[in-house]
């Protein structure tokens, strides 16, 4: 799914109005319908609602939603907060609301008077949308402060009021600025597209659980409008899947080499190797120190083990055998002998590879190696590893664009791991993942992702396809694992155990 900045969204709305064609007030009515059904789906037993509407089109959405909720035999109180001027569509919805339910609406003009609301009422925030360009103040700040001090469930329409759609709010940059008024929503119902703000960890306390509501923005407008921002959903991933033909054999699905492990770190190699084969690779060879041979061949006998000359560490890798995919880094350590191995290894490589974990830490210490990495290789850093490679970032917003620039500069694919894992392509395109959960923040989860990527590359997926499918399927397997595990109990092995179900969920 493509998504856009707030200026582009405004143009997309206008295109829809002009080319569908549809009146802006009717497009607002369509949004209110989507909001109504999403609200009823989430809160089917709600009996009391308090709606705080603002003077613009977000407030118009809220007033239109109020009319629909009033027809559902729910007690609804609406408070319209403004300083005198309303947008045309907000004014039209105000008039319609007064005609049908005049006693439900109260206006606060210039001064906010906190109303008394039931303890079980759900509060709907419709003050301001994503086009906000400055911090809230005056009566609007008073309303936000009142809402944030409630213990009620809070639902924001499109975006929490006070939060900007793109750049991080000033709220994270100083103690005084942290007090800027922004709604702290429990739920956010976003219209048509996610907002970049939702994907930044600094904004989690404001956004809460968010969902995307289709309001049928014109398909031609979406298709024709360029953007570097994409949100990976199932519909983006299913077309990437390759079919396995009846007369295929193990050679058809490729041979992956995984350079992994050191003394005491056999587990990293085992996890990566098993994930590679569970992802469909026909053959997997693990190159590691001799001390790990018995462990690897006991834990995962399906893998071929290739012993290094060094008993305890990886010191030299021969690339004479043709491998369809190569991954390096899981558990190899950062001793000088391994540093020298990686320097030689990267120099000899003539195909894209997967680079993870300790290999990234070595490159972070020897940044000249970045220029030697084959084009379209996949690097999979977590934020700290990314910082060692490309320098510190002031915040996650800055880190996103630093990853984009690094991917373009070096011609590589960067998978920046975390919630909504980011894939930065050499083209400048950015893809944010929709699968996964916080239970996957556990030892070995990254080794599993490395194995999945190697397994996909072995099957002749392009590096871009492997990155998208690998990140998505990794997260989907983690989500499926929660059907039997908790976020606290989830292990990396549980992700591997659910890879088959993850692939089936896409094929079915």
Foldseek 3Di string as FASTA:
>chain_A
DFDDFPVLVVVLLVCCCPVVPDPNLVLLLLLLVLVLVVVCVVCVPAAAAEEEAAQESLSLSRLSNQVVVVVVNHHYAYEYEYAPHHPPSNVVSVVVCCVVPVVRYDYDHQADDDDDGDLAYEYEYSHDAQPDDDFDDGRVLVVLVSQQPHPYAYEYEQFWPRAHQADGQCLVPDDVSVSGRTHQHQEYEREADHGNLCVFPVCCRRHHHYDYTYSCRDPVSVVPDDDLEAEDDLVNQLVLDDDDDPPDALPLQWEEEEEEAFAVQLVLQLLLQLLLVLLPHSAYEYEWALCNVVVNCVSPVRHHYDHAPHRGAHQADDCPDDGLAYEYAYHRDQDPSVLVRLLVVLQPDDDAYEYEHRSLLSCLVVVVSLLSHHAAHEYEEEQVSLCSNQNDDPGVSRVLVSQQVSCLVSNYWYFHDDQQTWIHGNVSRIYGYDFADLLCPEPSLVSSLNSSLSSNSRNVRRSVSSVSNSVHLLRQQRVVLCVPPPSPPDDSVSSSVSSVVSVVVSVD
